[in-house]
Amino acid sequence: MFIPRIVTTSWDDGDPRDLRVAELLTARGLKGTFYIPNAGHHGGKPMAPLELRSLRSGGFEIGSHGVSHRVLTGLDPPELAREVRICKTWLEDTLSEPVQMFCYPKGRYEGASSDFT
């Protein structure tokens, strides 16, 4: 009996060099999810809308990663909502489709999350 194995890859921070990662994955028949913040991370420039649309049209999933890649723990509720909502809305406007995935910046979260959709 054949048991399929599923492997997923994910990449975060939205660096424009991730387009090269996407090329390498595509060449090997692999897909993945790219988690994108609005602002550039570590002083870099953010991925441009055309680059995001190129990733998506290449079959890659796009997920939200917050406006500024700030760690969400400890933010007051209005600032937390802003970090999550603005990035999601921007990505949905850019891609003209719903964005349903989210990756916590630096993997940090606390307790149950609220619904910011």
PDB file of N, CA and C in Angstrom:
ATOM      1  N   MET A   1       0.840  -1.174   0.000  1.00  0.00           N
ATOM      2  CA  MET A   1       0.000   0.000   0.000  1.00  0.00           C
ATOM      3  C   MET A   1       0.892   1.247   0.000  1.00  0.00           C
ATOM      4  N   PHE A   2       0.574   2.160  -0.886  1.00  0.00           N
ATOM      5  CA  PHE A   2       1.317   3.418  -0.991  1.00  0.00           C
ATOM      6  C   PHE A   2       0.789   4.406   0.040  1.00  0.00           C
ATOM      7  N   ILE A   3       1.665   4.932   0.863  1.00  0.00           N
ATOM      8  CA  ILE A   3       1.293   5.964   1.833  1.00  0.00           C
ATOM      9  C   ILE A   3       1.970   7.254   1.399  1.00  0.00           C
ATOM     10  N   PRO A   4       1.150   8.220   0.948  1.00  0.00           N
ATOM     11  CA  PRO A   4       1.765   9.468   0.485  1.00  0.00           C
ATOM     12  C   PRO A   4       2.418  10.228   1.635  1.00  0.00           C
ATOM     13  N   ARG A   5       3.495  10.856   1.329  1.00  0.00           N
ATOM     14  CA  ARG A   5       4.183  11.700   2.305  1.00  0.00           C
ATOM     15  C   ARG A   5       4.045  13.142   1.825  1.00  0.00           C
ATOM     16  N   ILE A   6       3.689  13.983   2.748  1.00  0.00           N
ATOM     17  CA  ILE A   6       3.490  15.382   2.417  1.00  0.00           C
ATOM     18  C   ILE A   6       4.559  16.197   3.130  1.00  0.00           C
ATOM     19  N   VAL A   7       5.225  17.017   2.365  1.00  0.00           N
ATOM     20  CA  VAL A   7       6.233  17.919   2.910  1.00  0.00           C
ATOM     21  C   VAL A   7       5.834  19.326   2.501  1.00  0.00           C
ATOM     22  N   THR A   8       5.936  20.237   3.425  1.00  0.00           N
ATOM     23  CA  THR A   8       5.647  21.625   3.095  1.00  0.00           C
ATOM     24  C   THR A   8       6.862  22.478   3.461  1.00  0.00           C
ATOM     25  N   THR A   9       7.031  23.535   2.729  1.00  0.00           N
ATOM     26  CA  THR A   9       8.095  24.481   3.050  1.00  0.00           C
ATOM     27  C   THR A   9       7.453  25.829   3.302  1.00  0.00           C
ATOM     28  N   SER A  10       8.055  26.595   4.160  1.00  0.00           N
ATOM     29  CA  SER A  10       7.559  27.957   4.370  1.00  0.00           C
ATOM     30  C   SER A  10       8.752  28.888   4.529  1.00  0.00           C
ATOM     31  N   TRP A  11       8.547  30.086   4.045  1.00  0.00           N
ATOM     32  CA  TRP A  11       9.596  31.104   4.022  1.00  0.00           C
ATOM     33  C   TRP A  11       8.966  32.380   4.525  1.00  0.00           C
ATOM     34  N   ASP A  12       9.663  33.087   5.390  1.00  0.00           N
ATOM     35  CA  ASP A  12       9.052  34.305   5.895  1.00  0.00           C
ATOM     36  C   ASP A  12       9.987  35.497   5.793  1.00  0.00           C
ATOM     37  N   ASP A  13       9.397  36.631   5.978  1.00  0.00           N
ATOM     38  CA  ASP A  13      10.032  37.949   6.016  1.00  0.00           C
ATOM     39  C   ASP A  13       9.960  38.703   4.701  1.00  0.00           C
ATOM     40  N   GLY A  14       9.526  38.067   3.609  1.00  0.00           N
ATOM     41  CA  GLY A  14       9.247  38.794   2.379  1.00  0.00           C
ATOM     42  C   GLY A  14      10.440  39.438   1.703  1.00  0.00           C
ATOM     43  N   ASP A  15      11.590  38.865   1.816  1.00  0.00           N
ATOM     44  CA  ASP A  15      12.774  39.401   1.152  1.00  0.00           C
ATOM     45  C   ASP A  15      12.658  39.170  -0.357  1.00  0.00           C
ATOM     46  N   PRO A  16      12.942  40.180  -1.181  1.00  0.00           N
ATOM     47  CA  PRO A  16      12.867  39.979  -2.631  1.00  0.00           C
ATOM     48  C   PRO A  16      13.736  38.825  -3.136  1.00  0.00           C
ATOM     49  N   ARG A  17      14.783  38.459  -2.387  1.00  0.00           N
ATOM     50  CA  ARG A  17      15.608  37.310  -2.797  1.00  0.00           C
ATOM     51  C   ARG A  17      14.854  35.990  -2.677  1.00  0.00           C
ATOM     52  N   ASP A  18      13.691  36.022  -2.029  1.00  0.00           N
ATOM     53  CA  ASP A  18      12.872  34.815  -1.937  1.00  0.00           C
ATOM     54  C   ASP A  18      12.389  34.374  -3.324  1.00  0.00           C
ATOM     55  N   LEU A  19      12.413  35.267  -4.282  1.00  0.00           N
ATOM     56  CA  LEU A  19      12.036  34.886  -5.652  1.00  0.00           C
ATOM     57  C   LEU A  19      12.997  33.818  -6.175  1.00  0.00           C
ATOM     58  N   ARG A  20      14.241  33.889  -5.783  1.00  0.00           N
ATOM     59  CA  ARG A  20      15.212  32.860  -6.175  1.00  0.00           C
ATOM     60  C   ARG A  20      14.885  31.532  -5.495  1.00  0.00           C
ATOM     61  N   VAL A  21      14.456  31.600  -4.246  1.00  0.00           N
ATOM     62  CA  VAL A  21      14.020  30.392  -3.534  1.00  0.00           C
ATOM     63  C   VAL A  21      12.858  29.762  -4.300  1.00  0.00           C
ATOM     64  N   ALA A  22      11.912  30.591  -4.729  1.00  0.00           N
ATOM     65  CA  ALA A  22      10.760  30.090  -5.485  1.00  0.00           C
ATOM     66  C   ALA A  22      11.204  29.423  -6.790  1.00  0.00           C
ATOM     67  N   GLU A  23      12.181  30.007  -7.465  1.00  0.00           N
ATOM     68  CA  GLU A  23      12.707  29.391  -8.695  1.00  0.00           C
ATOM     69  C   GLU A  23      13.294  28.017  -8.413  1.00  0.00           C
ATOM     70  N   LEU A  24      14.068  27.912  -7.342  1.00  0.00           N
ATOM     71  CA  LEU A  24      14.693  26.632  -6.984  1.00  0.00           C
ATOM     72  C   LEU A  24      13.641  25.590  -6.612  1.00  0.00           C
ATOM     73  N   LEU A  25      12.627  26.002  -5.874  1.00  0.00           N
ATOM     74  CA  LEU A  25      11.554  25.078  -5.523  1.00  0.00           C
ATOM     75  C   LEU A  25      10.798  24.612  -6.769  1.00  0.00           C
ATOM     76  N   THR A  26      10.470  25.561  -7.643  1.00  0.00           N
ATOM     77  CA  THR A  26       9.740  25.232  -8.869  1.00  0.00           C
ATOM     78  C   THR A  26      10.530  24.243  -9.718  1.00  0.00           C
ATOM     79  N   ALA A  27      11.830  24.452  -9.834  1.00  0.00           N
ATOM     80  CA  ALA A  27      12.678  23.563 -10.631  1.00  0.00           C
ATOM     81  C   ALA A  27      12.661  22.131 -10.097  1.00  0.00           C
ATOM     82  N   ARG A  28      12.320  21.982  -8.826  1.00  0.00           N
ATOM     83  CA  ARG A  28      12.281  20.655  -8.212  1.00  0.00           C
ATOM     84  C   ARG A  28      10.855  20.148  -8.000  1.00  0.00           C
ATOM     85  N   GLY A  29       9.885  20.882  -8.558  1.00  0.00           N
ATOM     86  CA  GLY A  29       8.490  20.469  -8.451  1.00  0.00           C
ATOM     87  C   GLY A  29       7.908  20.635  -7.059  1.00  0.00           C
ATOM     88  N   LEU A  30       8.456  21.560  -6.289  1.00  0.00           N
ATOM     89  CA  LEU A  30       8.000  21.797  -4.922  1.00  0.00           C
ATOM     90  C   LEU A  30       7.278  23.126  -4.824  1.00  0.00           C
ATOM     91  N   LYS A  31       6.367  23.212  -3.884  1.00  0.00           N
ATOM     92  CA  LYS A  31       5.663  24.459  -3.607  1.00  0.00           C
ATOM     93  C   LYS A  31       5.883  24.823  -2.147  1.00  0.00           C
ATOM     94  N   GLY A  32       5.393  25.960  -1.751  1.00  0.00           N
ATOM     95  CA  GLY A  32       5.545  26.384  -0.370  1.00  0.00           C
ATOM     96  C   GLY A  32       4.696  27.598  -0.090  1.00  0.00           C
ATOM     97  N   THR A  33       4.832  28.093   1.108  1.00  0.00           N
ATOM     98  CA  THR A  33       4.113  29.286   1.552  1.00  0.00           C
ATOM     99  C   THR A  33       5.135  30.355   1.883  1.00  0.00           C
ATOM    100  N   PHE A  34       4.879  31.547   1.413  1.00  0.00           N
ATOM    101  CA  PHE A  34       5.728  32.696   1.710  1.00  0.00           C
ATOM    102  C   PHE A  34       4.932  33.643   2.599  1.00  0.00           C
ATOM    103  N   TYR A  35       5.463  33.933   3.787  1.00  0.00           N
ATOM    104  CA  TYR A  35       4.811  34.827   4.739  1.00  0.00           C
ATOM    105  C   TYR A  35       5.436  36.211   4.607  1.00  0.00           C
ATOM    106  N   ILE A  36       4.585  37.177   4.319  1.00  0.00           N
ATOM    107  CA  ILE A  36       5.043  38.504   3.908  1.00  0.00           C
ATOM    108  C   ILE A  36       4.609  39.587   4.899  1.00  0.00           C
ATOM    109  N   PRO A  37       5.560  40.360   5.450  1.00  0.00           N
ATOM    110  CA  PRO A  37       5.189  41.564   6.195  1.00  0.00           C
ATOM    111  C   PRO A  37       5.091  42.735   5.210  1.00  0.00           C
ATOM    112  N   ASN A  38       4.357  43.776   5.591  1.00  0.00           N
ATOM    113  CA  ASN A  38       4.261  44.957   4.717  1.00  0.00           C
ATOM    114  C   ASN A  38       5.595  45.655   4.542  1.00  0.00           C
ATOM    115  N   ALA A  39       6.263  45.887   5.651  1.00  0.00           N
ATOM    116  CA  ALA A  39       7.524  46.629   5.609  1.00  0.00           C
ATOM    117  C   ALA A  39       8.683  45.666   5.418  1.00  0.00           C
ATOM    118  N   GLY A  40       9.782  46.179   4.926  1.00  0.00           N
ATOM    119  CA  GLY A  40      10.968  45.349   4.794  1.00  0.00           C
ATOM    120  C   GLY A  40      11.459  44.896   6.156  1.00  0.00           C
ATOM    121  N   HIS A  41      12.096  43.760   6.197  1.00  0.00           N
ATOM    122  CA  HIS A  41      12.571  43.191   7.449  1.00  0.00           C
ATOM    123  C   HIS A  41      14.083  43.374   7.535  1.00  0.00           C
ATOM    124  N   HIS A  42      14.580  43.666   8.716  1.00  0.00           N
ATOM    125  CA  HIS A  42      16.018  43.861   8.966  1.00  0.00           C
ATOM    126  C   HIS A  42      16.597  44.964   8.068  1.00  0.00           C
ATOM    127  N   GLY A  43      15.811  46.014   7.838  1.00  0.00           N
ATOM    128  CA  GLY A  43      16.304  47.137   7.057  1.00  0.00           C
ATOM    129  C   GLY A  43      16.267  46.929   5.555  1.00  0.00           C
ATOM    130  N   GLY A  44      15.804  45.788   5.106  1.00  0.00           N
ATOM    131  CA  GLY A  44      15.728  45.526   3.670  1.00  0.00           C
ATOM    132  C   GLY A  44      14.472  46.120   3.074  1.00  0.00           C
ATOM    133  N   LYS A  45      14.411  46.086   1.756  1.00  0.00           N
ATOM    134  CA  LYS A  45      13.213  46.609   1.120  1.00  0.00           C
ATOM    135  C   LYS A  45      12.160  45.500   1.048  1.00  0.00           C
ATOM    136  N   PRO A  46      10.888  45.875   1.158  1.00  0.00           N
ATOM    137  CA  PRO A  46       9.837  44.861   1.091  1.00  0.00           C
ATOM    138  C   PRO A  46       9.660  44.337  -0.334  1.00  0.00           C
ATOM    139  N   MET A  47       9.050  43.184  -0.423  1.00  0.00           N
ATOM    140  CA  MET A  47       8.746  42.607  -1.727  1.00  0.00           C
ATOM    141  C   MET A  47       7.693  43.480  -2.409  1.00  0.00           C
ATOM    142  N   ALA A  48       7.895  43.780  -3.666  1.00  0.00           N
ATOM    143  CA  ALA A  48       6.987  44.638  -4.427  1.00  0.00           C
ATOM    144  C   ALA A  48       5.713  43.878  -4.803  1.00  0.00           C
ATOM    145  N   PRO A  49       4.600  44.588  -4.999  1.00  0.00           N
ATOM    146  CA  PRO A  49       3.354  43.936  -5.394  1.00  0.00           C
ATOM    147  C   PRO A  49       3.493  43.039  -6.624  1.00  0.00           C
ATOM    148  N   LEU A  50       4.246  43.475  -7.622  1.00  0.00           N
ATOM    149  CA  LEU A  50       4.439  42.650  -8.826  1.00  0.00           C
ATOM    150  C   LEU A  50       5.148  41.342  -8.466  1.00  0.00           C
ATOM    151  N   GLU A  51       6.111  41.414  -7.562  1.00  0.00           N
ATOM    152  CA  GLU A  51       6.825  40.209  -7.128  1.00  0.00           C
ATOM    153  C   GLU A  51       5.895  39.261  -6.362  1.00  0.00           C
ATOM    154  N   LEU A  52       5.037  39.833  -5.524  1.00  0.00           N
ATOM    155  CA  LEU A  52       4.068  39.020  -4.795  1.00  0.00           C
ATOM    156  C   LEU A  52       3.111  38.307  -5.744  1.00  0.00           C
ATOM    157  N   ARG A  53       2.620  39.049  -6.722  1.00  0.00           N
ATOM    158  CA  ARG A  53       1.704  38.444  -7.702  1.00  0.00           C
ATOM    159  C   ARG A  53       2.416  37.369  -8.514  1.00  0.00           C
ATOM    160  N   SER A  54       3.695  37.558  -8.795  1.00  0.00           N
ATOM    161  CA  SER A  54       4.469  36.562  -9.519  1.00  0.00           C
ATOM    162  C   SER A  54       4.595  35.274  -8.699  1.00  0.00           C
ATOM    163  N   LEU A  55       4.879  35.415  -7.419  1.00  0.00           N
ATOM    164  CA  LEU A  55       4.946  34.248  -6.540  1.00  0.00           C
ATOM    165  C   LEU A  55       3.619  33.495  -6.539  1.00  0.00           C
ATOM    166  N   ARG A  56       2.553  34.244  -6.372  1.00  0.00           N
ATOM    167  CA  ARG A  56       1.221  33.628  -6.292  1.00  0.00           C
ATOM    168  C   ARG A  56       0.864  32.929  -7.601  1.00  0.00           C
ATOM    169  N   SER A  57       1.136  33.590  -8.723  1.00  0.00           N
ATOM    170  CA  SER A  57       0.806  32.978 -10.018  1.00  0.00           C
ATOM    171  C   SER A  57       1.685  31.764 -10.294  1.00  0.00           C
ATOM    172  N   GLY A  58       2.812  31.660  -9.597  1.00  0.00           N
ATOM    173  CA  GLY A  58       3.675  30.490  -9.712  1.00  0.00           C
ATOM    174  C   GLY A  58       3.192  29.321  -8.869  1.00  0.00           C
ATOM    175  N   GLY A  59       2.058  29.485  -8.205  1.00  0.00           N
ATOM    176  CA  GLY A  59       1.483  28.401  -7.428  1.00  0.00           C
ATOM    177  C   GLY A  59       1.854  28.395  -5.961  1.00  0.00           C
ATOM    178  N   PHE A  60       2.511  29.432  -5.505  1.00  0.00           N
ATOM    179  CA  PHE A  60       2.894  29.512  -4.101  1.00  0.00           C
ATOM    180  C   PHE A  60       1.804  30.194  -3.294  1.00  0.00           C
ATOM    181  N   GLU A  61       1.640  29.734  -2.060  1.00  0.00           N
ATOM    182  CA  GLU A  61       0.686  30.354  -1.161  1.00  0.00           C
ATOM    183  C   GLU A  61       1.347  31.577  -0.520  1.00  0.00           C
ATOM    184  N   ILE A  62       0.546  32.619  -0.315  1.00  0.00           N
ATOM    185  CA  ILE A  62       1.023  33.834   0.338  1.00  0.00           C
ATOM    186  C   ILE A  62       0.270  33.978   1.649  1.00  0.00           C
ATOM    187  N   GLY A  63       1.019  34.193   2.722  1.00  0.00           N
ATOM    188  CA  GLY A  63       0.413  34.402   4.028  1.00  0.00           C
ATOM    189  C   GLY A  63       0.892  35.717   4.631  1.00  0.00           C
ATOM    190  N   SER A  64       0.144  36.193   5.582  1.00  0.00           N
ATOM    191  CA  SER A  64       0.442  37.448   6.261  1.00  0.00           C
ATOM    192  C   SER A  64       1.485  37.230   7.348  1.00  0.00           C
ATOM    193  N   HIS A  65       2.274  38.279   7.604  1.00  0.00           N
ATOM    194  CA  HIS A  65       3.340  38.193   8.609  1.00  0.00           C
ATOM    195  C   HIS A  65       3.418  39.481   9.431  1.00  0.00           C
ATOM    196  N   GLY A  66       2.322  40.251   9.424  1.00  0.00           N
ATOM    197  CA  GLY A  66       2.259  41.501  10.176  1.00  0.00           C
ATOM    198  C   GLY A  66       2.735  42.685   9.359  1.00  0.00           C
ATOM    199  N   VAL A  67       2.410  43.861   9.832  1.00  0.00           N
ATOM    200  CA  VAL A  67       2.802  45.082   9.120  1.00  0.00           C
ATOM    201  C   VAL A  67       4.307  45.270   9.148  1.00  0.00           C
ATOM    202  N   SER A  68       4.888  45.193  10.347  1.00  0.00           N
ATOM    203  CA  SER A  68       6.283  45.589  10.515  1.00  0.00           C
ATOM    204  C   SER A  68       7.159  44.493  11.101  1.00  0.00           C
ATOM    205  N   HIS A  69       6.647  43.265  11.132  1.00  0.00           N
ATOM    206  CA  HIS A  69       7.391  42.125  11.668  1.00  0.00           C
ATOM    207  C   HIS A  69       7.646  42.271  13.161  1.00  0.00           C
ATOM    208  N   ARG A  70       6.823  43.056  13.843  1.00  0.00           N
ATOM    209  CA  ARG A  70       6.965  43.200  15.296  1.00  0.00           C
ATOM    210  C   ARG A  70       6.457  41.948  15.992  1.00  0.00           C
ATOM    211  N   VAL A  71       7.126  41.574  17.064  1.00  0.00           N
ATOM    212  CA  VAL A  71       6.635  40.486  17.903  1.00  0.00           C
ATOM    213  C   VAL A  71       5.302  40.949  18.488  1.00  0.00           C
ATOM    214  N   LEU A  72       4.282  40.109  18.389  1.00  0.00           N
ATOM    215  CA  LEU A  72       2.933  40.514  18.765  1.00  0.00           C
ATOM    216  C   LEU A  72       2.659  40.412  20.256  1.00  0.00           C
ATOM    217  N   THR A  73       3.445  39.622  20.972  1.00  0.00           N
ATOM    218  CA  THR A  73       3.214  39.499  22.409  1.00  0.00           C
ATOM    219  C   THR A  73       3.483  40.836  23.078  1.00  0.00           C
ATOM    220  N   GLY A  74       2.618  41.203  23.965  1.00  0.00           N
ATOM    221  CA  GLY A  74       2.799  42.449  24.701  1.00  0.00           C
ATOM    222  C   GLY A  74       2.226  43.682  24.028  1.00  0.00           C
ATOM    223  N   LEU A  75       1.793  43.577  22.779  1.00  0.00           N
ATOM    224  CA  LEU A  75       1.161  44.726  22.139  1.00  0.00           C
ATOM    225  C   LEU A  75      -0.229  44.918  22.723  1.00  0.00           C
ATOM    226  N   ASP A  76      -0.659  46.164  22.839  1.00  0.00           N
ATOM    227  CA  ASP A  76      -2.022  46.379  23.311  1.00  0.00           C
ATOM    228  C   ASP A  76      -2.992  45.966  22.196  1.00  0.00           C
ATOM    229  N   PRO A  77      -4.232  45.633  22.535  1.00  0.00           N
ATOM    230  CA  PRO A  77      -5.175  45.104  21.538  1.00  0.00           C
ATOM    231  C   PRO A  77      -5.333  45.948  20.271  1.00  0.00           C
ATOM    232  N   PRO A  78      -5.429  47.287  20.364  1.00  0.00           N
ATOM    233  CA  PRO A  78      -5.553  48.049  19.114  1.00  0.00           C
ATOM    234  C   PRO A  78      -4.320  47.926  18.206  1.00  0.00           C
ATOM    235  N   GLU A  79      -3.126  47.914  18.803  1.00  0.00           N
ATOM    236  CA  GLU A  79      -1.905  47.801  18.007  1.00  0.00           C
ATOM    237  C   GLU A  79      -1.772  46.395  17.429  1.00  0.00           C
ATOM    238  N   LEU A  80      -2.137  45.397  18.190  1.00  0.00           N
ATOM    239  CA  LEU A  80      -2.129  44.019  17.701  1.00  0.00           C
ATOM    240  C   LEU A  80      -3.075  43.876  16.508  1.00  0.00           C
ATOM    241  N   ALA A  81      -4.274  44.399  16.645  1.00  0.00           N
ATOM    242  CA  ALA A  81      -5.250  44.345  15.545  1.00  0.00           C
ATOM    243  C   ALA A  81      -4.708  45.067  14.319  1.00  0.00           C
ATOM    244  N   ARG A  82      -4.068  46.204  14.522  1.00  0.00           N
ATOM    245  CA  ARG A  82      -3.503  46.966  13.406  1.00  0.00           C
ATOM    246  C   ARG A  82      -2.440  46.139  12.682  1.00  0.00           C
ATOM    247  N   GLU A  83      -1.520  45.539  13.419  1.00  0.00           N
ATOM    248  CA  GLU A  83      -0.445  44.738  12.822  1.00  0.00           C
ATOM    249  C   GLU A  83      -1.005  43.611  11.952  1.00  0.00           C
ATOM    250  N   VAL A  84      -2.065  42.982  12.431  1.00  0.00           N
ATOM    251  CA  VAL A  84      -2.623  41.835  11.718  1.00  0.00           C
ATOM    252  C   VAL A  84      -3.531  42.268  10.561  1.00  0.00           C
ATOM    253  N   ARG A  85      -4.460  43.163  10.839  1.00  0.00           N
ATOM    254  CA  ARG A  85      -5.448  43.557   9.822  1.00  0.00           C
ATOM    255  C   ARG A  85      -4.843  44.276   8.624  1.00  0.00           C
ATOM    256  N   ILE A  86      -3.981  45.231   8.880  1.00  0.00           N
ATOM    257  CA  ILE A  86      -3.445  46.034   7.777  1.00  0.00           C
ATOM    258  C   ILE A  86      -2.655  45.159   6.809  1.00  0.00           C
ATOM    259  N   CYS A  87      -1.852  44.260   7.331  1.00  0.00           N
ATOM    260  CA  CYS A  87      -1.070  43.390   6.459  1.00  0.00           C
ATOM    261  C   CYS A  87      -1.988  42.483   5.643  1.00  0.00           C
ATOM    262  N   LYS A  88      -2.963  41.876   6.292  1.00  0.00           N
ATOM    263  CA  LYS A  88      -3.912  40.996   5.603  1.00  0.00           C
ATOM    264  C   LYS A  88      -4.646  41.750   4.507  1.00  0.00           C
ATOM    265  N   THR A  89      -5.145  42.926   4.822  1.00  0.00           N
ATOM    266  CA  THR A  89      -5.882  43.723   3.837  1.00  0.00           C
ATOM    267  C   THR A  89      -4.987  44.110   2.673  1.00  0.00           C
ATOM    268  N   TRP A  90      -3.761  44.542   2.970  1.00  0.00           N
ATOM    269  CA  TRP A  90      -2.818  44.924   1.916  1.00  0.00           C
ATOM    270  C   TRP A  90      -2.529  43.753   0.985  1.00  0.00           C
ATOM    271  N   LEU A  91      -2.277  42.577   1.557  1.00  0.00           N
ATOM    272  CA  LEU A  91      -2.005  41.408   0.725  1.00  0.00           C
ATOM    273  C   LEU A  91      -3.224  41.029  -0.114  1.00  0.00           C
ATOM    274  N   GLU A  92      -4.406  41.059   0.484  1.00  0.00           N
ATOM    275  CA  GLU A  92      -5.618  40.723  -0.262  1.00  0.00           C
ATOM    276  C   GLU A  92      -5.874  41.712  -1.385  1.00  0.00           C
ATOM    277  N   ASP A  93      -5.638  42.980  -1.133  1.00  0.00           N
ATOM    278  CA  ASP A  93      -5.785  43.992  -2.188  1.00  0.00           C
ATOM    279  C   ASP A  93      -4.752  43.776  -3.291  1.00  0.00           C
ATOM    280  N   THR A  94      -3.535  43.448  -2.911  1.00  0.00           N
ATOM    281  CA  THR A  94      -2.457  43.234  -3.874  1.00  0.00           C
ATOM    282  C   THR A  94      -2.712  42.002  -4.728  1.00  0.00           C
ATOM    283  N   LEU A  95      -3.192  40.935  -4.108  1.00  0.00           N
ATOM    284  CA  LEU A  95      -3.366  39.657  -4.800  1.00  0.00           C
ATOM    285  C   LEU A  95      -4.771  39.462  -5.375  1.00  0.00           C
ATOM    286  N   SER A  96      -5.700  40.325  -4.994  1.00  0.00           N
ATOM    287  CA  SER A  96      -7.108  40.209  -5.417  1.00  0.00           C
ATOM    288  C   SER A  96      -7.701  38.850  -5.057  1.00  0.00           C
ATOM    289  N   GLU A  97      -7.350  38.359  -3.873  1.00  0.00           N
ATOM    290  CA  GLU A  97      -7.916  37.107  -3.372  1.00  0.00           C
ATOM    291  C   GLU A  97      -7.724  37.054  -1.861  1.00  0.00           C
ATOM    292  N   PRO A  98      -8.507  36.205  -1.185  1.00  0.00           N
ATOM    293  CA  PRO A  98      -8.361  36.101   0.274  1.00  0.00           C
ATOM    294  C   PRO A  98      -6.999  35.545   0.682  1.00  0.00           C
ATOM    295  N   VAL A  99      -6.497  36.044   1.789  1.00  0.00           N
ATOM    296  CA  VAL A  99      -5.264  35.528   2.396  1.00  0.00           C
ATOM    297  C   VAL A  99      -5.682  34.914   3.724  1.00  0.00           C
ATOM    298  N   GLN A 100      -5.492  33.603   3.846  1.00  0.00           N
ATOM    299  CA  GLN A 100      -6.001  32.900   5.021  1.00  0.00           C
ATOM    300  C   GLN A 100      -4.914  32.410   5.961  1.00  0.00           C
ATOM    301  N   MET A 101      -3.673  32.530   5.562  1.00  0.00           N
ATOM    302  CA  MET A 101      -2.574  32.044   6.405  1.00  0.00           C
ATOM    303  C   MET A 101      -1.902  33.210   7.128  1.00  0.00           C
ATOM    304  N   PHE A 102      -1.408  32.933   8.323  1.00  0.00           N
ATOM    305  CA  PHE A 102      -0.692  33.930   9.112  1.00  0.00           C
ATOM    306  C   PHE A 102       0.436  33.226   9.855  1.00  0.00           C
ATOM    307  N   CYS A 103       1.592  33.858   9.901  1.00  0.00           N
ATOM    308  CA  CYS A 103       2.730  33.345  10.651  1.00  0.00           C
ATOM    309  C   CYS A 103       3.138  34.413  11.662  1.00  0.00           C
ATOM    310  N   TYR A 104       3.173  34.026  12.939  1.00  0.00           N
ATOM    311  CA  TYR A 104       3.575  34.960  13.983  1.00  0.00           C
ATOM    312  C   TYR A 104       5.031  35.371  13.786  1.00  0.00           C
ATOM    313  N   PRO A 105       5.321  36.681  13.764  1.00  0.00           N
ATOM    314  CA  PRO A 105       6.717  37.104  13.666  1.00  0.00           C
ATOM    315  C   PRO A 105       7.554  36.477  14.781  1.00  0.00           C
ATOM    316  N   LYS A 106       8.677  35.901  14.382  1.00  0.00           N
ATOM    317  CA  LYS A 106       9.613  35.214  15.282  1.00  0.00           C
ATOM    318  C   LYS A 106       8.963  34.039  15.997  1.00  0.00           C
ATOM    319  N   GLY A 107       7.785  33.608  15.529  1.00  0.00           N
ATOM    320  CA  GLY A 107       7.100  32.460  16.105  1.00  0.00           C
ATOM    321  C   GLY A 107       6.522  32.694  17.487  1.00  0.00           C
ATOM    322  N   ARG A 108       6.443  33.922  17.913  1.00  0.00           N
ATOM    323  CA  ARG A 108       6.001  34.216  19.279  1.00  0.00           C
ATOM    324  C   ARG A 108       4.526  34.603  19.315  1.00  0.00           C
ATOM    325  N   TYR A 109       3.807  33.956  20.223  1.00  0.00           N
ATOM    326  CA  TYR A 109       2.403  34.272  20.448  1.00  0.00           C
ATOM    327  C   TYR A 109       2.063  33.923  21.889  1.00  0.00           C
ATOM    328  N   GLU A 110       0.916  34.379  22.331  1.00  0.00           N
ATOM    329  CA  GLU A 110       0.474  34.040  23.680  1.00  0.00           C
ATOM    330  C   GLU A 110      -1.029  33.836  23.672  1.00  0.00           C
ATOM    331  N   GLY A 111      -1.468  32.819  24.356  1.00  0.00           N
ATOM    332  CA  GLY A 111      -2.906  32.549  24.524  1.00  0.00           C
ATOM    333  C   GLY A 111      -3.648  32.366  23.217  1.00  0.00           C
ATOM    334  N   ALA A 112      -4.941  32.375  23.322  1.00  0.00           N
ATOM    335  CA  ALA A 112      -5.807  32.252  22.138  1.00  0.00           C
ATOM    336  C   ALA A 112      -5.851  33.578  21.415  1.00  0.00           C
ATOM    337  N   SER A 113      -5.832  33.506  20.100  1.00  0.00           N
ATOM    338  CA  SER A 113      -5.860  34.745  19.320  1.00  0.00           C
ATOM    339  C   SER A 113      -7.289  35.157  19.034  1.00  0.00           C
ATOM    340  N   SER A 114      -7.498  36.440  18.810  1.00  0.00           N
ATOM    341  CA  SER A 114      -8.798  36.959  18.426  1.00  0.00           C
ATOM    342  C   SER A 114      -8.960  36.849  16.927  1.00  0.00           C
ATOM    343  N   ASP A 115     -10.173  36.951  16.467  1.00  0.00           N
ATOM    344  CA  ASP A 115     -10.454  36.899  15.038  1.00  0.00           C
ATOM    345  C   ASP A 115     -10.323  38.300  14.462  1.00  0.00           C
ATOM    346  N   PHE A 116      -9.314  38.523  13.634  1.00  0.00           N
ATOM    347  CA  PHE A 116      -9.078  39.835  13.050  1.00  0.00           C
ATOM    348  C   PHE A 116      -9.500  39.903  11.598  1.00  0.00           C
ATOM    349  N   THR A 117     -10.314  38.959  11.147  1.00  0.00           N
ATOM    350  CA  THR A 117     -10.730  38.950   9.739  1.00  0.00           C
ATOM    351  C   THR A 117     -11.792  39.969   9.474  1.00  0.00           C
TER     352      THR A 117
END
